[in-house]
Amino acid sequence: MKFENGLNNIEFQLFDQNIKIHPDAEIGVNSEIGDNTTILRSILGSVTIGQDCVVGNYTILEDGTILGDGSKVWHYSHIRGDVHVGENCILGDYVFIDSGVKIGDGTKIQNYVPVYHGVQLEEGVFLGPNSLTTNDMVPRARTEDGVLKGGSDWEVNCIYIGKDASIGAGAVLRPGIKIGEKALIGAGAVVTKDVPAGAVVVGNPARILKYLDGFEPK
């Protein structure tokens, strides 16, 4: 059987300034949504979304999320509270952004990537699919007393990723490291120490393979 006219199609609600919102979307009080933005079937807390943005199906944006102009968060993603996503960013399917993370303009985060609390991304960062940031040097589920750990029972070790750096698919970044500007992290690399600007690193543990032109050590 051919369904020439589709089935159970639901039209978007069209608001002023060409804002389109799916009728099943949930949007928190005092949210601000910019011109030409499309909100699919998602759940939004009290958020600020710029113009020309897209929020995908079944995505959750918690209170305090800021999404810059031209940015897109695709399907089944979860952005926790007080996250600031810059302008013209693309976050793929099944992306998780932890509370308080700041993401620079022009950043691209591929599918199935978690970005945890304490990670800072400068402009133009690329995170390949299934790449992983971490933030706890001694991860344990419970304290020595057998009590499930809470927020005050561990110390965040921040990761800094510099401007236009690229993290390959499946790479793992150890807590507390710094990735320099335009560095390239190879697919599957396990990065255990700082990476200089313009360095290309591969392997487990990651080692410097070469430097991009203009970034060679003096």
N, C-alpha and C. Protein backbone atom coordinates (compact mmCIF):
# COMPACT_ATOMS: atom_id res chain seq x y z
N MET A 1 0.85 -1.20 0.00
CA MET A 1 0.00 0.00 0.00
C MET A 1 0.89 1.25 0.00
N LYS A 2 0.55 2.20 -0.84
CA LYS A 2 1.31 3.44 -0.91
C LYS A 2 0.51 4.56 -0.25
N PHE A 3 1.13 5.21 0.74
CA PHE A 3 0.47 6.31 1.45
C PHE A 3 0.86 7.61 0.75
N GLU A 4 0.10 7.99 -0.24
CA GLU A 4 0.45 9.14 -1.06
C GLU A 4 0.41 10.45 -0.28
N ASN A 5 -0.43 10.51 0.71
CA ASN A 5 -0.58 11.76 1.48
C ASN A 5 0.05 11.68 2.87
N GLY A 6 0.85 10.64 3.13
CA GLY A 6 1.45 10.51 4.45
C GLY A 6 0.42 10.05 5.47
N LEU A 7 0.84 9.99 6.74
CA LEU A 7 -0.05 9.52 7.79
C LEU A 7 0.33 10.20 9.11
N ASN A 8 -0.67 10.69 9.83
CA ASN A 8 -0.45 11.32 11.13
C ASN A 8 0.53 12.48 11.08
N ASN A 9 0.53 13.23 9.98
CA ASN A 9 1.41 14.39 9.87
C ASN A 9 0.87 15.53 10.72
N ILE A 10 1.77 16.17 11.45
CA ILE A 10 1.38 17.29 12.31
C ILE A 10 2.08 18.55 11.83
N GLU A 11 1.33 19.58 11.56
CA GLU A 11 1.93 20.83 11.11
C GLU A 11 2.54 21.61 12.27
N PHE A 12 3.64 22.29 11.99
CA PHE A 12 4.28 23.13 12.99
C PHE A 12 3.42 24.37 13.25
N GLN A 13 3.54 24.88 14.47
CA GLN A 13 2.92 26.17 14.77
C GLN A 13 3.88 27.26 14.34
N LEU A 14 3.39 28.20 13.59
CA LEU A 14 4.20 29.28 13.07
C LEU A 14 3.92 30.56 13.86
N PHE A 15 4.99 31.13 14.43
CA PHE A 15 4.89 32.35 15.22
C PHE A 15 5.52 33.51 14.44
N ASP A 16 5.42 34.71 15.01
CA ASP A 16 6.03 35.87 14.37
C ASP A 16 7.53 35.65 14.18
N GLN A 17 8.11 36.37 13.23
CA GLN A 17 9.53 36.28 12.90
C GLN A 17 9.93 34.88 12.42
N ASN A 18 8.96 34.16 11.84
CA ASN A 18 9.21 32.84 11.25
C ASN A 18 9.80 31.85 12.26
N ILE A 19 9.29 31.87 13.46
CA ILE A 19 9.65 30.88 14.47
C ILE A 19 8.68 29.71 14.34
N LYS A 20 9.22 28.49 14.12
CA LYS A 20 8.39 27.30 13.94
C LYS A 20 8.62 26.33 15.09
N ILE A 21 7.52 25.92 15.72
CA ILE A 21 7.60 25.06 16.90
C ILE A 21 6.64 23.88 16.73
N HIS A 22 7.17 22.69 16.96
CA HIS A 22 6.35 21.49 16.88
C HIS A 22 5.30 21.54 18.00
N PRO A 23 4.05 21.17 17.72
CA PRO A 23 2.99 21.29 18.74
C PRO A 23 3.22 20.42 19.97
N ASP A 24 4.07 19.39 19.87
CA ASP A 24 4.36 18.55 21.03
C ASP A 24 5.61 18.98 21.80
N ALA A 25 6.26 20.05 21.36
CA ALA A 25 7.43 20.56 22.08
C ALA A 25 6.99 21.17 23.41
N GLU A 26 7.86 21.07 24.42
CA GLU A 26 7.64 21.71 25.71
C GLU A 26 8.70 22.79 25.91
N ILE A 27 8.26 24.00 26.26
CA ILE A 27 9.17 25.13 26.40
C ILE A 27 8.92 25.82 27.73
N GLY A 28 10.00 26.01 28.49
CA GLY A 28 9.89 26.61 29.82
C GLY A 28 9.55 28.09 29.79
N VAL A 29 9.11 28.56 30.94
CA VAL A 29 8.72 29.97 31.07
C VAL A 29 9.93 30.88 30.88
N ASN A 30 9.68 32.07 30.36
CA ASN A 30 10.69 33.10 30.16
C ASN A 30 11.77 32.72 29.16
N SER A 31 11.52 31.70 28.34
CA SER A 31 12.47 31.36 27.29
C SER A 31 12.45 32.43 26.20
N GLU A 32 13.60 32.60 25.56
CA GLU A 32 13.71 33.54 24.44
C GLU A 32 14.16 32.77 23.21
N ILE A 33 13.43 32.94 22.11
CA ILE A 33 13.73 32.21 20.88
C ILE A 33 13.85 33.22 19.74
N GLY A 34 14.96 33.14 19.00
CA GLY A 34 15.25 34.10 17.95
C GLY A 34 14.53 33.83 16.65
N ASP A 35 14.59 34.78 15.74
CA ASP A 35 13.93 34.70 14.44
C ASP A 35 14.42 33.50 13.64
N ASN A 36 13.54 32.95 12.83
CA ASN A 36 13.86 31.89 11.87
C ASN A 36 14.38 30.61 12.54
N THR A 37 14.00 30.39 13.77
CA THR A 37 14.42 29.20 14.51
C THR A 37 13.33 28.14 14.46
N THR A 38 13.76 26.86 14.38
CA THR A 38 12.83 25.74 14.35
C THR A 38 13.06 24.86 15.57
N ILE A 39 12.00 24.60 16.31
CA ILE A 39 12.04 23.73 17.48
C ILE A 39 11.23 22.48 17.15
N LEU A 40 11.88 21.34 17.04
CA LEU A 40 11.19 20.09 16.77
C LEU A 40 10.61 19.53 18.07
N ARG A 41 10.24 18.28 18.10
CA ARG A 41 9.58 17.68 19.26
C ARG A 41 10.60 17.47 20.37
N SER A 42 10.81 18.49 21.18
CA SER A 42 11.87 18.49 22.18
C SER A 42 11.35 19.05 23.49
N ILE A 43 12.20 18.99 24.53
CA ILE A 43 11.85 19.52 25.84
C ILE A 43 12.87 20.59 26.21
N LEU A 44 12.40 21.81 26.41
CA LEU A 44 13.26 22.93 26.74
C LEU A 44 12.87 23.49 28.10
N GLY A 45 13.88 23.74 28.94
CA GLY A 45 13.63 24.47 30.17
C GLY A 45 13.54 25.96 29.86
N SER A 46 13.95 26.78 30.80
CA SER A 46 14.01 28.22 30.56
C SER A 46 15.33 28.52 29.87
N VAL A 47 15.29 28.73 28.56
CA VAL A 47 16.49 28.79 27.74
C VAL A 47 16.50 30.05 26.89
N THR A 48 17.69 30.32 26.32
CA THR A 48 17.84 31.42 25.37
C THR A 48 18.40 30.85 24.08
N ILE A 49 17.64 30.96 23.00
CA ILE A 49 18.03 30.40 21.73
C ILE A 49 18.08 31.52 20.70
N GLY A 50 19.19 31.60 19.97
CA GLY A 50 19.38 32.66 19.00
C GLY A 50 18.57 32.47 17.74
N GLN A 51 18.85 33.29 16.76
CA GLN A 51 18.14 33.21 15.49
C GLN A 51 18.78 32.17 14.57
N ASP A 52 17.97 31.64 13.65
CA ASP A 52 18.42 30.66 12.66
C ASP A 52 18.95 29.38 13.30
N CYS A 53 18.37 28.97 14.41
CA CYS A 53 18.78 27.75 15.11
C CYS A 53 17.81 26.61 14.83
N VAL A 54 18.26 25.38 15.14
CA VAL A 54 17.41 24.20 15.08
C VAL A 54 17.64 23.38 16.34
N VAL A 55 16.56 22.93 16.97
CA VAL A 55 16.63 21.99 18.09
C VAL A 55 15.90 20.73 17.66
N GLY A 56 16.59 19.59 17.66
CA GLY A 56 16.08 18.37 17.06
C GLY A 56 15.07 17.61 17.91
N ASN A 57 14.55 16.55 17.31
CA ASN A 57 13.55 15.71 17.97
C ASN A 57 14.12 15.03 19.22
N TYR A 58 13.32 15.02 20.28
CA TYR A 58 13.61 14.30 21.53
C TYR A 58 14.90 14.79 22.19
N THR A 59 15.25 16.02 21.93
CA THR A 59 16.40 16.65 22.58
C THR A 59 15.93 17.40 23.82
N ILE A 60 16.78 17.42 24.85
CA ILE A 60 16.48 18.10 26.10
C ILE A 60 17.50 19.22 26.31
N LEU A 61 17.00 20.43 26.53
CA LEU A 61 17.83 21.57 26.90
C LEU A 61 17.36 22.05 28.28
N GLU A 62 18.24 21.92 29.27
CA GLU A 62 17.87 22.28 30.63
C GLU A 62 17.96 23.79 30.87
N ASP A 63 17.47 24.21 32.03
CA ASP A 63 17.44 25.64 32.38
C ASP A 63 18.82 26.28 32.23
N GLY A 64 18.81 27.49 31.70
CA GLY A 64 20.04 28.26 31.59
C GLY A 64 20.85 28.00 30.35
N THR A 65 20.41 27.08 29.50
CA THR A 65 21.11 26.83 28.24
C THR A 65 21.03 28.06 27.34
N ILE A 66 22.17 28.41 26.75
CA ILE A 66 22.22 29.48 25.75
C ILE A 66 22.74 28.88 24.46
N LEU A 67 21.98 29.05 23.40
CA LEU A 67 22.34 28.54 22.08
C LEU A 67 22.52 29.73 21.15
N GLY A 68 23.76 29.92 20.65
CA GLY A 68 24.06 31.09 19.83
C GLY A 68 23.43 31.04 18.46
N ASP A 69 23.41 32.19 17.79
CA ASP A 69 22.81 32.31 16.46
C ASP A 69 23.39 31.26 15.50
N GLY A 70 22.50 30.66 14.73
CA GLY A 70 22.92 29.75 13.68
C GLY A 70 23.34 28.37 14.13
N SER A 71 23.19 28.06 15.42
CA SER A 71 23.62 26.76 15.93
C SER A 71 22.50 25.73 15.85
N LYS A 72 22.91 24.47 15.71
CA LYS A 72 21.96 23.37 15.57
C LYS A 72 22.32 22.25 16.54
N VAL A 73 21.31 21.79 17.27
CA VAL A 73 21.46 20.63 18.15
C VAL A 73 20.51 19.58 17.63
N TRP A 74 21.04 18.45 17.17
CA TRP A 74 20.21 17.49 16.50
C TRP A 74 19.58 16.49 17.47
N HIS A 75 19.12 15.36 16.99
CA HIS A 75 18.16 14.52 17.69
C HIS A 75 18.76 13.75 18.86
N TYR A 76 17.93 13.55 19.88
CA TYR A 76 18.24 12.72 21.05
C TYR A 76 19.45 13.24 21.85
N SER A 77 19.70 14.51 21.79
CA SER A 77 20.81 15.09 22.55
C SER A 77 20.30 15.64 23.87
N HIS A 78 21.24 15.87 24.80
CA HIS A 78 20.90 16.35 26.13
C HIS A 78 21.93 17.39 26.55
N ILE A 79 21.46 18.61 26.74
CA ILE A 79 22.31 19.69 27.23
C ILE A 79 21.84 20.06 28.63
N ARG A 80 22.75 19.92 29.59
CA ARG A 80 22.39 20.20 30.98
C ARG A 80 22.42 21.71 31.26
N GLY A 81 22.20 22.09 32.54
CA GLY A 81 21.99 23.48 32.88
C GLY A 81 23.22 24.36 32.71
N ASP A 82 22.95 25.62 32.34
CA ASP A 82 23.97 26.67 32.28
C ASP A 82 25.08 26.37 31.29
N VAL A 83 24.75 25.71 30.21
CA VAL A 83 25.70 25.49 29.12
C VAL A 83 25.58 26.64 28.13
N HIS A 84 26.73 27.10 27.63
CA HIS A 84 26.73 28.16 26.63
C HIS A 84 27.34 27.62 25.34
N VAL A 85 26.49 27.45 24.33
CA VAL A 85 26.93 27.01 23.01
C VAL A 85 27.06 28.26 22.14
N GLY A 86 28.22 28.45 21.51
CA GLY A 86 28.46 29.64 20.71
C GLY A 86 27.66 29.67 19.42
N GLU A 87 28.03 30.58 18.54
CA GLU A 87 27.32 30.76 17.27
C GLU A 87 27.82 29.75 16.23
N ASN A 88 26.90 29.36 15.34
CA ASN A 88 27.21 28.52 14.18
C ASN A 88 27.89 27.21 14.57
N CYS A 89 27.41 26.61 15.64
CA CYS A 89 27.89 25.30 16.07
C CYS A 89 26.94 24.21 15.57
N ILE A 90 27.48 23.00 15.42
CA ILE A 90 26.66 21.85 15.07
C ILE A 90 26.92 20.74 16.07
N LEU A 91 25.87 20.32 16.77
CA LEU A 91 25.94 19.20 17.70
C LEU A 91 25.09 18.08 17.13
N GLY A 92 25.70 16.92 16.91
CA GLY A 92 25.02 15.82 16.23
C GLY A 92 24.04 15.08 17.12
N ASP A 93 23.64 13.89 16.66
CA ASP A 93 22.71 13.05 17.41
C ASP A 93 23.39 12.46 18.65
N TYR A 94 22.62 12.28 19.71
CA TYR A 94 23.07 11.61 20.93
C TYR A 94 24.31 12.29 21.54
N VAL A 95 24.33 13.60 21.52
CA VAL A 95 25.41 14.36 22.16
C VAL A 95 24.97 14.73 23.57
N PHE A 96 25.89 14.61 24.53
CA PHE A 96 25.62 15.00 25.91
C PHE A 96 26.59 16.10 26.31
N ILE A 97 26.06 17.24 26.76
CA ILE A 97 26.89 18.35 27.23
C ILE A 97 26.56 18.56 28.70
N ASP A 98 27.57 18.41 29.54
CA ASP A 98 27.38 18.49 30.99
C ASP A 98 27.25 19.95 31.45
N SER A 99 26.82 20.12 32.68
CA SER A 99 26.52 21.44 33.22
C SER A 99 27.72 22.37 33.20
N GLY A 100 27.47 23.62 32.84
CA GLY A 100 28.49 24.66 32.91
C GLY A 100 29.50 24.68 31.80
N VAL A 101 29.41 23.78 30.84
CA VAL A 101 30.39 23.74 29.75
C VAL A 101 30.18 24.93 28.81
N LYS A 102 31.30 25.47 28.32
CA LYS A 102 31.25 26.56 27.34
C LYS A 102 31.88 26.07 26.04
N ILE A 103 31.16 26.30 24.94
CA ILE A 103 31.56 25.81 23.62
C ILE A 103 31.73 27.02 22.70
N GLY A 104 32.92 27.15 22.11
CA GLY A 104 33.21 28.30 21.27
C GLY A 104 32.50 28.28 19.94
N ASP A 105 32.46 29.43 19.28
CA ASP A 105 31.79 29.58 17.99
C ASP A 105 32.38 28.59 16.97
N GLY A 106 31.54 28.15 16.04
CA GLY A 106 32.00 27.34 14.93
C GLY A 106 32.51 25.97 15.30
N THR A 107 32.08 25.45 16.42
CA THR A 107 32.51 24.12 16.87
C THR A 107 31.58 23.05 16.30
N LYS A 108 32.15 21.90 15.97
CA LYS A 108 31.36 20.79 15.46
C LYS A 108 31.59 19.56 16.32
N ILE A 109 30.50 19.03 16.89
CA ILE A 109 30.56 17.85 17.75
C ILE A 109 29.76 16.75 17.08
N GLN A 110 30.43 15.66 16.73
CA GLN A 110 29.79 14.59 15.99
C GLN A 110 28.95 13.70 16.91
N ASN A 111 28.31 12.69 16.31
CA ASN A 111 27.38 11.84 17.05
C ASN A 111 28.04 11.07 18.19
N TYR A 112 27.26 10.84 19.24
CA TYR A 112 27.65 9.99 20.37
C TYR A 112 28.85 10.53 21.14
N VAL A 113 28.91 11.83 21.32
CA VAL A 113 30.03 12.44 22.05
C VAL A 113 29.52 13.05 23.36
N PRO A 114 30.10 12.65 24.52
CA PRO A 114 29.83 13.34 25.77
C PRO A 114 30.92 14.38 26.05
N VAL A 115 30.51 15.55 26.50
CA VAL A 115 31.45 16.60 26.91
C VAL A 115 31.13 16.91 28.36
N TYR A 116 32.04 16.54 29.26
CA TYR A 116 31.72 16.57 30.68
C TYR A 116 32.08 17.89 31.35
N HIS A 117 31.53 18.07 32.53
CA HIS A 117 31.74 19.26 33.36
C HIS A 117 33.23 19.55 33.50
N GLY A 118 33.60 20.80 33.28
CA GLY A 118 35.00 21.19 33.40
C GLY A 118 35.75 21.24 32.08
N VAL A 119 35.11 20.84 30.98
CA VAL A 119 35.75 20.90 29.67
C VAL A 119 35.47 22.26 29.04
N GLN A 120 36.51 22.85 28.45
CA GLN A 120 36.36 24.13 27.76
C GLN A 120 36.79 23.97 26.32
N LEU A 121 35.91 24.34 25.39
CA LEU A 121 36.19 24.26 23.96
C LEU A 121 36.28 25.66 23.38
N GLU A 122 37.42 25.99 22.78
CA GLU A 122 37.56 27.28 22.11
C GLU A 122 36.87 27.22 20.74
N GLU A 123 37.05 28.26 19.94
CA GLU A 123 36.38 28.35 18.64
C GLU A 123 36.90 27.28 17.68
N GLY A 124 35.99 26.77 16.85
CA GLY A 124 36.37 25.93 15.75
C GLY A 124 36.86 24.54 16.10
N VAL A 125 36.55 24.06 17.30
CA VAL A 125 36.98 22.72 17.70
C VAL A 125 36.13 21.66 16.98
N PHE A 126 36.77 20.55 16.62
CA PHE A 126 36.08 19.42 16.04
C PHE A 126 36.24 18.22 16.96
N LEU A 127 35.11 17.63 17.37
CA LEU A 127 35.13 16.42 18.17
C LEU A 127 34.53 15.30 17.33
N GLY A 128 35.35 14.32 16.95
CA GLY A 128 34.90 13.23 16.11
C GLY A 128 33.95 12.29 16.83
N PRO A 129 33.23 11.45 16.10
CA PRO A 129 32.24 10.55 16.71
C PRO A 129 32.88 9.64 17.75
N ASN A 130 32.17 9.50 18.86
CA ASN A 130 32.59 8.62 19.96
C ASN A 130 33.88 9.05 20.65
N SER A 131 34.36 10.26 20.39
CA SER A 131 35.50 10.76 21.16
C SER A 131 35.03 11.06 22.58
N LEU A 132 35.98 11.07 23.52
CA LEU A 132 35.60 11.09 24.93
C LEU A 132 36.49 12.02 25.74
N THR A 133 35.88 12.97 26.43
CA THR A 133 36.56 13.76 27.44
C THR A 133 36.25 13.18 28.81
N THR A 134 37.16 13.36 29.76
CA THR A 134 36.97 12.85 31.12
C THR A 134 37.33 13.95 32.11
N ASN A 135 36.92 13.79 33.37
CA ASN A 135 37.19 14.87 34.32
C ASN A 135 37.51 14.39 35.74
N ASP A 136 37.72 13.10 35.93
CA ASP A 136 37.99 12.58 37.28
C ASP A 136 39.20 11.66 37.22
N MET A 137 40.27 12.03 37.93
CA MET A 137 41.51 11.25 37.91
C MET A 137 41.38 9.93 38.68
N VAL A 138 40.50 9.90 39.67
CA VAL A 138 40.32 8.68 40.47
C VAL A 138 38.83 8.35 40.52
N PRO A 139 38.28 7.85 39.43
CA PRO A 139 36.83 7.61 39.40
C PRO A 139 36.42 6.41 40.25
N ARG A 140 35.52 6.64 41.16
CA ARG A 140 34.94 5.58 41.99
C ARG A 140 33.46 5.85 42.14
N ALA A 141 32.67 4.79 42.21
CA ALA A 141 31.24 4.96 42.42
C ALA A 141 30.93 5.32 43.86
N ARG A 142 31.76 4.78 44.82
CA ARG A 142 31.46 4.96 46.24
C ARG A 142 32.68 5.51 47.00
N THR A 143 32.41 6.10 48.14
CA THR A 143 33.48 6.52 49.03
C THR A 143 34.06 5.31 49.75
N GLU A 144 35.13 5.53 50.54
CA GLU A 144 35.73 4.43 51.30
C GLU A 144 34.76 3.87 52.34
N ASP A 145 33.75 4.66 52.70
CA ASP A 145 32.74 4.21 53.66
C ASP A 145 31.59 3.45 52.99
N GLY A 146 31.68 3.26 51.69
CA GLY A 146 30.64 2.52 50.99
C GLY A 146 29.42 3.34 50.62
N VAL A 147 29.55 4.68 50.72
CA VAL A 147 28.43 5.57 50.38
C VAL A 147 28.59 6.03 48.93
N LEU A 148 27.49 6.05 48.20
CA LEU A 148 27.53 6.51 46.82
C LEU A 148 28.08 7.94 46.76
N LYS A 149 29.04 8.18 45.91
CA LYS A 149 29.68 9.49 45.82
C LYS A 149 28.70 10.56 45.33
N GLY A 150 28.86 11.75 45.88
CA GLY A 150 28.12 12.93 45.44
C GLY A 150 29.07 13.97 44.87
N GLY A 151 28.52 15.12 44.55
CA GLY A 151 29.31 16.16 43.90
C GLY A 151 30.48 16.67 44.71
N SER A 152 30.37 16.61 46.03
CA SER A 152 31.45 17.11 46.88
C SER A 152 32.53 16.07 47.18
N ASP A 153 32.39 14.87 46.65
CA ASP A 153 33.32 13.78 46.96
C ASP A 153 34.41 13.58 45.92
N TRP A 154 34.49 14.48 44.94
CA TRP A 154 35.54 14.34 43.93
C TRP A 154 35.93 15.71 43.41
N GLU A 155 37.09 15.77 42.79
CA GLU A 155 37.65 17.02 42.29
C GLU A 155 37.66 17.01 40.77
N VAL A 156 37.11 18.06 40.19
CA VAL A 156 37.08 18.18 38.73
C VAL A 156 38.46 18.54 38.21
N ASN A 157 38.95 17.77 37.26
CA ASN A 157 40.20 18.08 36.56
C ASN A 157 39.84 18.52 35.14
N CYS A 158 39.98 19.79 34.88
CA CYS A 158 39.46 20.38 33.65
C CYS A 158 40.31 20.01 32.43
N ILE A 159 39.67 19.93 31.28
CA ILE A 159 40.33 19.77 29.99
C ILE A 159 40.11 21.03 29.18
N TYR A 160 41.20 21.53 28.57
CA TYR A 160 41.12 22.71 27.71
C TYR A 160 41.48 22.29 26.28
N ILE A 161 40.62 22.62 25.31
CA ILE A 161 40.88 22.30 23.91
C ILE A 161 40.93 23.61 23.13
N GLY A 162 42.10 23.89 22.54
CA GLY A 162 42.34 25.17 21.91
C GLY A 162 41.67 25.35 20.56
N LYS A 163 41.77 26.55 20.07
CA LYS A 163 41.11 26.98 18.84
C LYS A 163 41.48 26.09 17.66
N ASP A 164 40.47 25.63 16.93
CA ASP A 164 40.61 24.86 15.69
C ASP A 164 41.32 23.52 15.87
N ALA A 165 41.39 23.02 17.09
CA ALA A 165 41.93 21.68 17.32
C ALA A 165 40.91 20.64 16.88
N SER A 166 41.41 19.46 16.47
CA SER A 166 40.54 18.37 16.02
C SER A 166 40.84 17.11 16.82
N ILE A 167 39.80 16.50 17.34
CA ILE A 167 39.91 15.27 18.11
C ILE A 167 39.29 14.15 17.27
N GLY A 168 40.09 13.14 16.91
CA GLY A 168 39.63 12.09 16.02
C GLY A 168 38.62 11.16 16.66
N ALA A 169 37.95 10.38 15.82
CA ALA A 169 36.92 9.44 16.28
C ALA A 169 37.49 8.47 17.30
N GLY A 170 36.78 8.30 18.40
CA GLY A 170 37.15 7.33 19.41
C GLY A 170 38.33 7.70 20.26
N ALA A 171 38.88 8.89 20.13
CA ALA A 171 40.01 9.31 20.96
C ALA A 171 39.53 9.55 22.40
N VAL A 172 40.45 9.36 23.36
CA VAL A 172 40.14 9.55 24.77
C VAL A 172 41.12 10.57 25.34
N LEU A 173 40.59 11.57 26.03
CA LEU A 173 41.42 12.61 26.64
C LEU A 173 41.41 12.46 28.15
N ARG A 174 42.59 12.34 28.75
CA ARG A 174 42.73 12.21 30.19
C ARG A 174 42.38 13.51 30.90
N PRO A 175 41.86 13.45 32.11
CA PRO A 175 41.54 14.69 32.84
C PRO A 175 42.76 15.59 33.01
N GLY A 176 42.53 16.89 32.97
CA GLY A 176 43.56 17.86 33.32
C GLY A 176 44.51 18.25 32.21
N ILE A 177 44.32 17.77 30.98
CA ILE A 177 45.27 18.09 29.92
C ILE A 177 44.82 19.30 29.12
N LYS A 178 45.79 19.85 28.37
CA LYS A 178 45.53 20.96 27.47
C LYS A 178 45.91 20.55 26.05
N ILE A 179 45.00 20.81 25.12
CA ILE A 179 45.23 20.55 23.70
C ILE A 179 45.44 21.89 23.02
N GLY A 180 46.59 22.07 22.37
CA GLY A 180 46.91 23.36 21.79
C GLY A 180 46.17 23.66 20.50
N GLU A 181 46.28 24.91 20.09
CA GLU A 181 45.62 25.39 18.88
C GLU A 181 45.99 24.53 17.66
N LYS A 182 45.01 24.15 16.88
CA LYS A 182 45.14 23.40 15.62
C LYS A 182 45.82 22.04 15.78
N ALA A 183 45.94 21.55 17.00
CA ALA A 183 46.47 20.20 17.18
C ALA A 183 45.53 19.19 16.55
N LEU A 184 46.09 18.06 16.11
CA LEU A 184 45.30 16.98 15.52
C LEU A 184 45.52 15.72 16.35
N ILE A 185 44.44 15.20 16.89
CA ILE A 185 44.49 13.97 17.69
C ILE A 185 43.96 12.84 16.81
N GLY A 186 44.78 11.82 16.57
CA GLY A 186 44.40 10.73 15.69
C GLY A 186 43.27 9.90 16.24
N ALA A 187 42.56 9.22 15.35
CA ALA A 187 41.47 8.35 15.75
C ALA A 187 41.97 7.27 16.71
N GLY A 188 41.23 7.08 17.80
CA GLY A 188 41.56 6.05 18.77
C GLY A 188 42.71 6.36 19.69
N ALA A 189 43.31 7.54 19.59
CA ALA A 189 44.44 7.90 20.46
C ALA A 189 43.98 8.02 21.91
N VAL A 190 44.88 7.72 22.84
CA VAL A 190 44.63 7.93 24.26
C VAL A 190 45.63 8.99 24.72
N VAL A 191 45.13 10.19 24.97
CA VAL A 191 45.98 11.34 25.24
C VAL A 191 46.14 11.50 26.75
N THR A 192 47.37 11.35 27.24
CA THR A 192 47.63 11.35 28.68
C THR A 192 48.40 12.57 29.15
N LYS A 193 48.84 13.43 28.21
CA LYS A 193 49.56 14.64 28.60
C LYS A 193 49.28 15.75 27.60
N ASP A 194 49.71 16.97 27.94
CA ASP A 194 49.42 18.12 27.10
C ASP A 194 49.94 17.92 25.67
N VAL A 195 49.21 18.50 24.72
CA VAL A 195 49.59 18.43 23.31
C VAL A 195 49.89 19.85 22.83
N PRO A 196 51.10 20.10 22.30
CA PRO A 196 51.44 21.45 21.84
C PRO A 196 50.60 21.89 20.65
N ALA A 197 50.56 23.18 20.43
CA ALA A 197 49.85 23.73 19.27
C ALA A 197 50.42 23.14 17.99
N GLY A 198 49.54 22.76 17.07
CA GLY A 198 49.95 22.28 15.77
C GLY A 198 50.53 20.88 15.73
N ALA A 199 50.55 20.19 16.86
CA ALA A 199 51.10 18.83 16.89
C ALA A 199 50.09 17.82 16.39
N VAL A 200 50.59 16.79 15.74
CA VAL A 200 49.77 15.65 15.32
C VAL A 200 50.17 14.46 16.19
N VAL A 201 49.21 13.94 16.97
CA VAL A 201 49.53 12.84 17.89
C VAL A 201 48.68 11.62 17.57
N VAL A 202 49.29 10.44 17.77
CA VAL A 202 48.60 9.18 17.49
C VAL A 202 49.01 8.16 18.55
N GLY A 203 48.21 7.10 18.68
CA GLY A 203 48.61 5.95 19.47
C GLY A 203 48.13 5.95 20.90
N ASN A 204 48.52 4.88 21.64
CA ASN A 204 48.17 4.69 23.04
C ASN A 204 49.40 4.21 23.81
N PRO A 205 49.96 5.08 24.68
CA PRO A 205 49.60 6.50 24.87
C PRO A 205 49.99 7.33 23.65
N ALA A 206 49.29 8.43 23.45
CA ALA A 206 49.52 9.26 22.27
C ALA A 206 50.93 9.84 22.28
N ARG A 207 51.55 9.85 21.10
CA ARG A 207 52.88 10.42 20.93
C ARG A 207 52.84 11.37 19.74
N ILE A 208 53.77 12.32 19.71
CA ILE A 208 53.80 13.29 18.61
C ILE A 208 54.39 12.64 17.37
N LEU A 209 53.62 12.65 16.30
CA LEU A 209 54.06 12.10 15.02
C LEU A 209 54.79 13.15 14.20
N LYS A 210 54.25 14.36 14.20
CA LYS A 210 54.84 15.47 13.45
C LYS A 210 54.15 16.76 13.89
N TYR A 211 54.58 17.87 13.28
CA TYR A 211 53.94 19.17 13.51
C TYR A 211 53.43 19.71 12.16
N LEU A 212 52.33 20.43 12.21
CA LEU A 212 51.85 21.12 11.03
C LEU A 212 52.83 22.24 10.66
N ASP A 213 52.83 22.60 9.38
CA ASP A 213 53.72 23.66 8.93
C ASP A 213 53.48 24.94 9.71
N GLY A 214 54.56 25.54 10.15
CA GLY A 214 54.47 26.77 10.92
C GLY A 214 54.40 26.57 12.42
N PHE A 215 54.26 25.32 12.86
CA PHE A 215 54.16 25.04 14.29
C PHE A 215 55.36 24.24 14.81
N GLU A 216 56.36 24.02 13.99
CA GLU A 216 57.51 23.25 14.42
C GLU A 216 58.20 23.94 15.59
N PRO A 217 58.71 23.14 16.56
CA PRO A 217 59.43 23.75 17.70
C PRO A 217 60.64 24.53 17.22
N LYS A 218 60.90 25.64 17.84
CA LYS A 218 62.06 26.48 17.48
C LYS A 218 63.35 25.84 17.99
